[in-house]
Structures are given as C-alpha cells and as structure tokens.
Amino acid sequence: MAEQSEQTAQHDLTGRTVAVLATDGFEESELRSPVAALKAAGATVRIVSIGDTALTIRGWAEHDWAEDSINVDGTVPEMKAADFDALMIPGGVMNPDRLRANADAVSFVRDFFSAGKPVAAICHAPWLLVEAGVAKGRKLTSYPSIRTDLVNAGANWVDEEVVVDQGLVTSRSPEDLDAFNAKMVEEIFEGVHDGQHA
C-alpha cells in the first residue's frame, strides 16, 4: 500500500479523465482495484458501457455474481474517446466477450489508439484489442488462455505480470493488479504516446 501511495505522489492525475469500459460480467477486482488507484492519483473516472446495458452493471466475483452493482455514467456511442485522457478495460470472460461483439465499443477502443492515448487492459480484456485491430506488432500479455488469439492477431505475447508498450499496459490476472495499477497510472501521467496507434 505504501508503494501505491508513493506512486500516486509521483504521478498526479488531477485534471485527467479516464474511461472504464465494462458491461455485465467484468471481473470484480479488475474494475474496483484500478478505479481506486486512479482516484487515489486524482483522476476522474467514468464508467462507460454499451447501449443494451442497464444503468448499472454487475461484476463476477470469482465464482458468482458480485453483490453490489456499479453505476454506469454513459454508453457508447454517447461518449467519445475525445472526451477522455485514457482508457482502462477490466477482464473477466463475459465482459470483453460481450464488448467485442458490440461495434460501438470496438470503435471506442480503436479511437483511443488512433489518438495515441494510454490504454490499460487486464486478463481477458485484450480480446477487445484483437477485435479493434490494434494488437498487431504490439508487445503485451493477457490471461494465458487467450494467448493463441493474440498471437494469431500478430501480437508479441509474453508471460509477465505487467507489460508496457508505448502507452499500452497489459497484465495477466488479478494477482498482477498492484503492478498493473502502478504502470497504468504512470502511463496515463505521461500522456499521449507517439507509438500508440491503430
């Protein structure tokens, strides 16, 4: 915890707004922990979902639905990448699988890459990067079961707790959240990256 406080002091995100793209079935810890880290660093966080989502979304907590819902601030395409400084995508199996089937969500993700803005994706979330056509040539990691999907999309997949590639931050699972959160905050603090592109 002291390490996270030190990280927050070094990388003040006051004035930055971060979109968290999620729908029902996100991995509970992979949304709540990064959101807490972003807020601790001073960022404003907005939960963005897809049009067929209700005003709240529910996470998946290990083996069952989470007890508490999360309020949604808006949906795609109502919200645009231009309104935000960065994007975070939590994992869970259901969440990215539903999002990658939604054309508006896929375009929303691609627009962050086109603008060179930082993107952080954990666990199964890189599935969405494949669908957005932004994984090719990028060094990243993910939950091991989707490794082949990423490699087939042209990504350079590695088995590390956190991987940073020109504003793109990826991690494998909830066990990597401390490292993921620290690098996410750092990359958002750095801002637009020339090497981040669609």
C-alpha atoms as a PDB file:
ATOM      1  CA  MET A   1       0.000   0.000   0.000  1.00  0.00           C
ATOM      2  CA  ALA A   2       2.887   2.366   0.773  1.00  0.00           C
ATOM      3  CA  GLU A   3       4.249   1.673  -2.699  1.00  0.00           C
ATOM      4  CA  GLN A   4       0.930   2.673  -4.264  1.00  0.00           C
ATOM      5  CA  SER A   5       0.848   5.925  -2.235  1.00  0.00           C
ATOM      6  CA  GLU A   6       4.380   6.719  -3.364  1.00  0.00           C
ATOM      7  CA  GLN A   7       3.361   6.016  -6.974  1.00  0.00           C
ATOM      8  CA  THR A   8       0.359   8.303  -6.594  1.00  0.00           C
ATOM      9  CA  ALA A   9       2.536  11.120  -5.248  1.00  0.00           C
ATOM     10  CA  GLN A  10       4.906  10.789  -8.203  1.00  0.00           C
ATOM     11  CA  HIS A  11       2.153  10.664 -10.826  1.00  0.00           C
ATOM     12  CA  ASP A  12      -0.587  13.173 -10.061  1.00  0.00           C
ATOM     13  CA  LEU A  13      -3.552  12.601 -12.400  1.00  0.00           C
ATOM     14  CA  THR A  14      -5.550  15.611 -11.227  1.00  0.00           C
ATOM     15  CA  GLY A  15      -7.407  17.020 -14.215  1.00  0.00           C
ATOM     16  CA  ARG A  16      -7.265  13.736 -16.177  1.00  0.00           C
ATOM     17  CA  THR A  17     -10.435  11.806 -17.004  1.00  0.00           C
ATOM     18  CA  VAL A  18     -10.288   8.048 -17.541  1.00  0.00           C
ATOM     19  CA  ALA A  19     -12.933   5.888 -19.190  1.00  0.00           C
ATOM     20  CA  VAL A  20     -13.521   2.398 -17.803  1.00  0.00           C
ATOM     21  CA  LEU A  21     -15.246   0.317 -20.474  1.00  0.00           C
ATOM     22  CA  ALA A  22     -17.278  -2.531 -18.993  1.00  0.00           C
ATOM     23  CA  THR A  23     -20.544  -4.420 -19.095  1.00  0.00           C
ATOM     24  CA  ASP A  24     -22.101  -7.184 -17.029  1.00  0.00           C
ATOM     25  CA  GLY A  25     -19.646  -9.950 -16.176  1.00  0.00           C
ATOM     26  CA  PHE A  26     -16.490  -7.907 -15.573  1.00  0.00           C
ATOM     27  CA  GLU A  27     -14.087  -9.393 -13.028  1.00  0.00           C
ATOM     28  CA  GLU A  28     -14.952  -7.500  -9.848  1.00  0.00           C
ATOM     29  CA  SER A  29     -11.414  -6.937  -8.568  1.00  0.00           C
ATOM     30  CA  GLU A  30     -10.160  -5.908 -12.004  1.00  0.00           C
ATOM     31  CA  LEU A  31     -12.536  -2.963 -12.071  1.00  0.00           C
ATOM     32  CA  ARG A  32     -12.617  -1.885  -8.435  1.00  0.00           C
ATOM     33  CA  SER A  33      -8.865  -2.011  -7.764  1.00  0.00           C
ATOM     34  CA  PRO A  34      -7.758   0.036 -10.834  1.00  0.00           C
ATOM     35  CA  VAL A  35     -10.580   2.536 -10.276  1.00  0.00           C
ATOM     36  CA  ALA A  36      -9.419   3.005  -6.667  1.00  0.00           C
ATOM     37  CA  ALA A  37      -5.826   3.515  -7.858  1.00  0.00           C
ATOM     38  CA  LEU A  38      -6.913   6.069 -10.468  1.00  0.00           C
ATOM     39  CA  LYS A  39      -8.991   8.014  -7.964  1.00  0.00           C
ATOM     40  CA  ALA A  40      -6.167   7.915  -5.411  1.00  0.00           C
ATOM     41  CA  ALA A  41      -3.928   9.523  -8.041  1.00  0.00           C
ATOM     42  CA  GLY A  42      -6.504  12.295  -8.556  1.00  0.00           C
ATOM     43  CA  ALA A  43      -8.134  11.135 -11.790  1.00  0.00           C
ATOM     44  CA  THR A  44     -11.811  11.466 -12.592  1.00  0.00           C
ATOM     45  CA  VAL A  45     -13.213   8.062 -13.562  1.00  0.00           C
ATOM     46  CA  ARG A  46     -16.259   7.454 -15.751  1.00  0.00           C
ATOM     47  CA  ILE A  47     -17.828   4.015 -16.212  1.00  0.00           C
ATOM     48  CA  VAL A  48     -18.770   3.588 -19.876  1.00  0.00           C
ATOM     49  CA  SER A  49     -20.887   0.688 -21.077  1.00  0.00           C
ATOM     50  CA  ILE A  50     -22.810  -0.451 -24.156  1.00  0.00           C
ATOM     51  CA  GLY A  51     -26.291   0.568 -25.231  1.00  0.00           C
ATOM     52  CA  ASP A  52     -28.083  -2.595 -24.171  1.00  0.00           C
ATOM     53  CA  THR A  53     -26.736  -2.299 -20.621  1.00  0.00           C
ATOM     54  CA  ALA A  54     -28.933  -1.007 -17.801  1.00  0.00           C
ATOM     55  CA  LEU A  55     -27.994   1.988 -15.640  1.00  0.00           C
ATOM     56  CA  THR A  56     -25.912  -0.372 -13.514  1.00  0.00           C
ATOM     57  CA  ILE A  57     -23.626  -3.311 -14.292  1.00  0.00           C
ATOM     58  CA  ARG A  58     -22.721  -6.330 -12.177  1.00  0.00           C
ATOM     59  CA  GLY A  59     -19.345  -7.909 -11.769  1.00  0.00           C
ATOM     60  CA  TRP A  60     -18.292 -11.505 -11.427  1.00  0.00           C
ATOM     61  CA  ALA A  61     -16.517 -12.225  -8.144  1.00  0.00           C
ATOM     62  CA  GLU A  62     -14.517 -15.444  -8.589  1.00  0.00           C
ATOM     63  CA  HIS A  63     -17.357 -17.998  -8.840  1.00  0.00           C
ATOM     64  CA  ASP A  64     -20.580 -15.987  -8.668  1.00  0.00           C
ATOM     65  CA  TRP A  65     -22.177 -12.628  -9.391  1.00  0.00           C
ATOM     66  CA  ALA A  66     -20.970  -9.806  -7.145  1.00  0.00           C
ATOM     67  CA  GLU A  67     -23.430  -8.490  -4.572  1.00  0.00           C
ATOM     68  CA  ASP A  68     -23.025  -4.796  -5.432  1.00  0.00           C
ATOM     69  CA  SER A  69     -23.717  -3.160  -8.782  1.00  0.00           C
ATOM     70  CA  ILE A  70     -21.689  -0.364 -10.370  1.00  0.00           C
ATOM     71  CA  ASN A  71     -23.394   2.771 -11.697  1.00  0.00           C
ATOM     72  CA  VAL A  72     -22.871   3.497 -15.399  1.00  0.00           C
ATOM     73  CA  ASP A  73     -22.019   7.103 -16.325  1.00  0.00           C
ATOM     74  CA  GLY A  74     -22.815   6.745 -20.025  1.00  0.00           C
ATOM     75  CA  THR A  75     -22.725   4.467 -23.028  1.00  0.00           C
ATOM     76  CA  VAL A  76     -21.013   4.261 -26.376  1.00  0.00           C
ATOM     77  CA  PRO A  77     -21.602   5.925 -28.784  1.00  0.00           C
ATOM     78  CA  GLU A  78     -22.879   8.713 -26.476  1.00  0.00           C
ATOM     79  CA  MET A  79     -19.373   9.010 -25.035  1.00  0.00           C
ATOM     80  CA  LYS A  80     -16.378   9.521 -27.306  1.00  0.00           C
ATOM     81  CA  ALA A  81     -12.672   8.803 -26.830  1.00  0.00           C
ATOM     82  CA  ALA A  82     -12.088  12.518 -27.381  1.00  0.00           C
ATOM     83  CA  ASP A  83     -13.786  13.163 -24.012  1.00  0.00           C
ATOM     84  CA  PHE A  84     -11.124  11.179 -22.125  1.00  0.00           C
ATOM     85  CA  ASP A  85      -7.389  11.112 -21.487  1.00  0.00           C
ATOM     86  CA  ALA A  86      -7.101   7.314 -21.193  1.00  0.00           C
ATOM     87  CA  LEU A  87      -8.980   4.023 -21.214  1.00  0.00           C
ATOM     88  CA  MET A  88      -8.996   1.074 -18.806  1.00  0.00           C
ATOM     89  CA  ILE A  89     -10.655  -2.245 -19.659  1.00  0.00           C
ATOM     90  CA  PRO A  90     -11.211  -4.829 -16.910  1.00  0.00           C
ATOM     91  CA  GLY A  91     -11.254  -8.524 -17.728  1.00  0.00           C
ATOM     92  CA  GLY A  92     -13.454 -11.384 -16.780  1.00  0.00           C
ATOM     93  CA  VAL A  93     -14.521 -13.792 -19.515  1.00  0.00           C
ATOM     94  CA  MET A  94     -18.015 -12.397 -20.129  1.00  0.00           C
ATOM     95  CA  ASN A  95     -17.129  -8.697 -20.135  1.00  0.00           C
ATOM     96  CA  PRO A  96     -14.700  -8.494 -23.097  1.00  0.00           C
ATOM     97  CA  ASP A  97     -16.596 -11.213 -24.965  1.00  0.00           C
ATOM     98  CA  ARG A  98     -19.764  -9.090 -24.877  1.00  0.00           C
ATOM     99  CA  LEU A  99     -17.894  -5.874 -25.635  1.00  0.00           C
ATOM    100  CA  ARG A 100     -16.067  -7.249 -28.680  1.00  0.00           C
ATOM    101  CA  ALA A 101     -19.438  -8.157 -30.236  1.00  0.00           C
ATOM    102  CA  ASN A 102     -20.550  -4.504 -29.985  1.00  0.00           C
ATOM    103  CA  ALA A 103     -19.405  -2.338 -32.914  1.00  0.00           C
ATOM    104  CA  ASP A 104     -19.648   0.898 -30.904  1.00  0.00           C
ATOM    105  CA  ALA A 105     -17.433  -0.491 -28.135  1.00  0.00           C
ATOM    106  CA  VAL A 106     -14.870  -1.721 -30.661  1.00  0.00           C
ATOM    107  CA  SER A 107     -14.768   1.707 -32.359  1.00  0.00           C
ATOM    108  CA  PHE A 108     -14.468   3.404 -28.958  1.00  0.00           C
ATOM    109  CA  VAL A 109     -11.355   1.336 -28.170  1.00  0.00           C
ATOM    110  CA  ARG A 110      -9.815   1.883 -31.604  1.00  0.00           C
ATOM    111  CA  ASP A 111     -10.263   5.663 -31.266  1.00  0.00           C
ATOM    112  CA  PHE A 112      -8.040   5.748 -28.160  1.00  0.00           C
ATOM    113  CA  PHE A 113      -5.263   4.062 -30.108  1.00  0.00           C
ATOM    114  CA  SER A 114      -5.747   6.391 -33.095  1.00  0.00           C
ATOM    115  CA  ALA A 115      -5.317   9.365 -30.758  1.00  0.00           C
ATOM    116  CA  GLY A 116      -2.197   7.891 -29.080  1.00  0.00           C
ATOM    117  CA  LYS A 117      -3.896   7.826 -25.668  1.00  0.00           C
ATOM    118  CA  PRO A 118      -2.911   5.339 -22.943  1.00  0.00           C
ATOM    119  CA  VAL A 119      -4.912   2.109 -22.738  1.00  0.00           C
ATOM    120  CA  ALA A 120      -4.738  -0.441 -19.911  1.00  0.00           C
ATOM    121  CA  ALA A 121      -6.247  -3.925 -20.371  1.00  0.00           C
ATOM    122  CA  ILE A 122      -6.064  -6.855 -17.966  1.00  0.00           C
ATOM    123  CA  CYS A 123      -6.830 -10.584 -18.080  1.00  0.00           C
ATOM    124  CA  HIS A 124      -9.240 -11.373 -20.972  1.00  0.00           C
ATOM    125  CA  ALA A 125      -9.636  -7.678 -21.933  1.00  0.00           C
ATOM    126  CA  PRO A 126      -7.015  -7.878 -24.736  1.00  0.00           C
ATOM    127  CA  TRP A 127      -9.630  -9.870 -26.699  1.00  0.00           C
ATOM    128  CA  LEU A 128     -11.132  -6.451 -27.374  1.00  0.00           C
ATOM    129  CA  LEU A 129      -7.794  -5.212 -28.748  1.00  0.00           C
ATOM    130  CA  VAL A 130      -7.843  -8.059 -31.260  1.00  0.00           C
ATOM    131  CA  GLU A 131     -11.347  -7.112 -32.397  1.00  0.00           C
ATOM    132  CA  ALA A 132     -10.331  -3.452 -32.688  1.00  0.00           C
ATOM    133  CA  GLY A 133      -7.397  -4.430 -34.910  1.00  0.00           C
ATOM    134  CA  VAL A 134      -4.788  -2.818 -32.643  1.00  0.00           C
ATOM    135  CA  ALA A 135      -2.894  -5.865 -31.313  1.00  0.00           C
ATOM    136  CA  LYS A 136      -0.662  -6.456 -34.341  1.00  0.00           C
ATOM    137  CA  GLY A 137       3.002  -5.751 -33.643  1.00  0.00           C
ATOM    138  CA  ARG A 138       2.383  -4.875 -30.004  1.00  0.00           C
ATOM    139  CA  LYS A 139       4.166  -6.473 -27.052  1.00  0.00           C
ATOM    140  CA  LEU A 140       1.591  -7.498 -24.458  1.00  0.00           C
ATOM    141  CA  THR A 141       0.331 -10.136 -22.067  1.00  0.00           C
ATOM    142  CA  SER A 142      -3.056 -11.491 -21.032  1.00  0.00           C
ATOM    143  CA  TYR A 143      -4.746 -14.376 -19.291  1.00  0.00           C
ATOM    144  CA  PRO A 144      -2.878 -17.401 -20.713  1.00  0.00           C
ATOM    145  CA  SER A 145      -5.966 -18.991 -22.298  1.00  0.00           C
ATOM    146  CA  ILE A 146      -6.259 -16.226 -24.913  1.00  0.00           C
ATOM    147  CA  ARG A 147      -2.565 -16.233 -25.827  1.00  0.00           C
ATOM    148  CA  THR A 148      -3.182 -18.004 -29.152  1.00  0.00           C
ATOM    149  CA  ASP A 149      -5.849 -15.452 -30.140  1.00  0.00           C
ATOM    150  CA  LEU A 150      -3.393 -12.624 -29.543  1.00  0.00           C
ATOM    151  CA  VAL A 151      -0.501 -14.337 -31.320  1.00  0.00           C
ATOM    152  CA  ASN A 152      -2.777 -15.071 -34.285  1.00  0.00           C
ATOM    153  CA  ALA A 153      -3.639 -11.363 -34.362  1.00  0.00           C
ATOM    154  CA  GLY A 154       0.062 -10.534 -34.702  1.00  0.00           C
ATOM    155  CA  ALA A 155       0.850  -9.586 -31.104  1.00  0.00           C
ATOM    156  CA  ASN A 156       4.145 -10.395 -29.376  1.00  0.00           C
ATOM    157  CA  TRP A 157       2.753 -12.211 -26.311  1.00  0.00           C
ATOM    158  CA  VAL A 158       4.943 -12.596 -23.215  1.00  0.00           C
ATOM    159  CA  ASP A 159       4.293 -14.160 -19.818  1.00  0.00           C
ATOM    160  CA  GLU A 160       5.000 -11.268 -17.416  1.00  0.00           C
ATOM    161  CA  GLU A 161       2.982  -9.649 -14.629  1.00  0.00           C
ATOM    162  CA  VAL A 162       2.796  -6.325 -16.457  1.00  0.00           C
ATOM    163  CA  VAL A 163       3.889  -5.297 -19.942  1.00  0.00           C
ATOM    164  CA  VAL A 164       4.165  -1.699 -21.162  1.00  0.00           C
ATOM    165  CA  ASP A 165       4.425  -0.886 -24.863  1.00  0.00           C
ATOM    166  CA  GLN A 166       4.149   2.782 -25.848  1.00  0.00           C
ATOM    167  CA  GLY A 167       1.162   3.615 -23.668  1.00  0.00           C
ATOM    168  CA  LEU A 168      -0.418   0.145 -23.770  1.00  0.00           C
ATOM    169  CA  VAL A 169      -0.415  -1.565 -20.353  1.00  0.00           C
ATOM    170  CA  THR A 170      -1.445  -5.224 -20.031  1.00  0.00           C
ATOM    171  CA  SER A 171      -1.454  -7.800 -17.230  1.00  0.00           C
ATOM    172  CA  ARG A 172      -2.472 -11.434 -16.820  1.00  0.00           C
ATOM    173  CA  SER A 173      -4.832 -11.737 -13.847  1.00  0.00           C
ATOM    174  CA  PRO A 174      -5.976 -10.225 -10.533  1.00  0.00           C
ATOM    175  CA  GLU A 175      -2.710 -11.426  -8.978  1.00  0.00           C
ATOM    176  CA  ASP A 176      -0.925  -8.775 -11.081  1.00  0.00           C
ATOM    177  CA  LEU A 177      -3.122  -5.838 -10.045  1.00  0.00           C
ATOM    178  CA  ASP A 178      -0.514  -3.988  -7.964  1.00  0.00           C
ATOM    179  CA  ALA A 179       1.948  -3.904 -10.859  1.00  0.00           C
ATOM    180  CA  PHE A 180      -0.836  -3.200 -13.378  1.00  0.00           C
ATOM    181  CA  ASN A 181      -2.215  -0.272 -11.389  1.00  0.00           C
ATOM    182  CA  ALA A 182       1.200   1.318 -10.893  1.00  0.00           C
ATOM    183  CA  LYS A 183       2.118   1.165 -14.588  1.00  0.00           C
ATOM    184  CA  MET A 184      -1.369   2.286 -15.658  1.00  0.00           C
ATOM    185  CA  VAL A 185      -1.108   5.416 -13.515  1.00  0.00           C
ATOM    186  CA  GLU A 186       2.429   6.094 -14.792  1.00  0.00           C
ATOM    187  CA  GLU A 187       1.472   5.783 -18.473  1.00  0.00           C
ATOM    188  CA  ILE A 188      -1.602   7.992 -18.033  1.00  0.00           C
ATOM    189  CA  PHE A 189       0.573  10.578 -16.295  1.00  0.00           C
ATOM    190  CA  GLU A 190       2.926  10.545 -19.308  1.00  0.00           C
ATOM    191  CA  GLY A 191       0.005  11.296 -21.640  1.00  0.00           C
ATOM    192  CA  VAL A 192      -0.136  10.769 -25.399  1.00  0.00           C
ATOM    193  CA  HIS A 193       2.403   8.288 -26.801  1.00  0.00           C
ATOM    194  CA  ASP A 194       3.620   8.583 -30.406  1.00  0.00           C
ATOM    195  CA  GLY A 195       3.978   4.797 -30.630  1.00  0.00           C
ATOM    196  CA  GLN A 196       0.344   4.200 -29.641  1.00  0.00           C
ATOM    197  CA  HIS A 197      -1.653   3.901 -32.857  1.00  0.00           C
ATOM    198  CA  ALA A 198      -4.475   1.983 -34.523  1.00  0.00           C
END
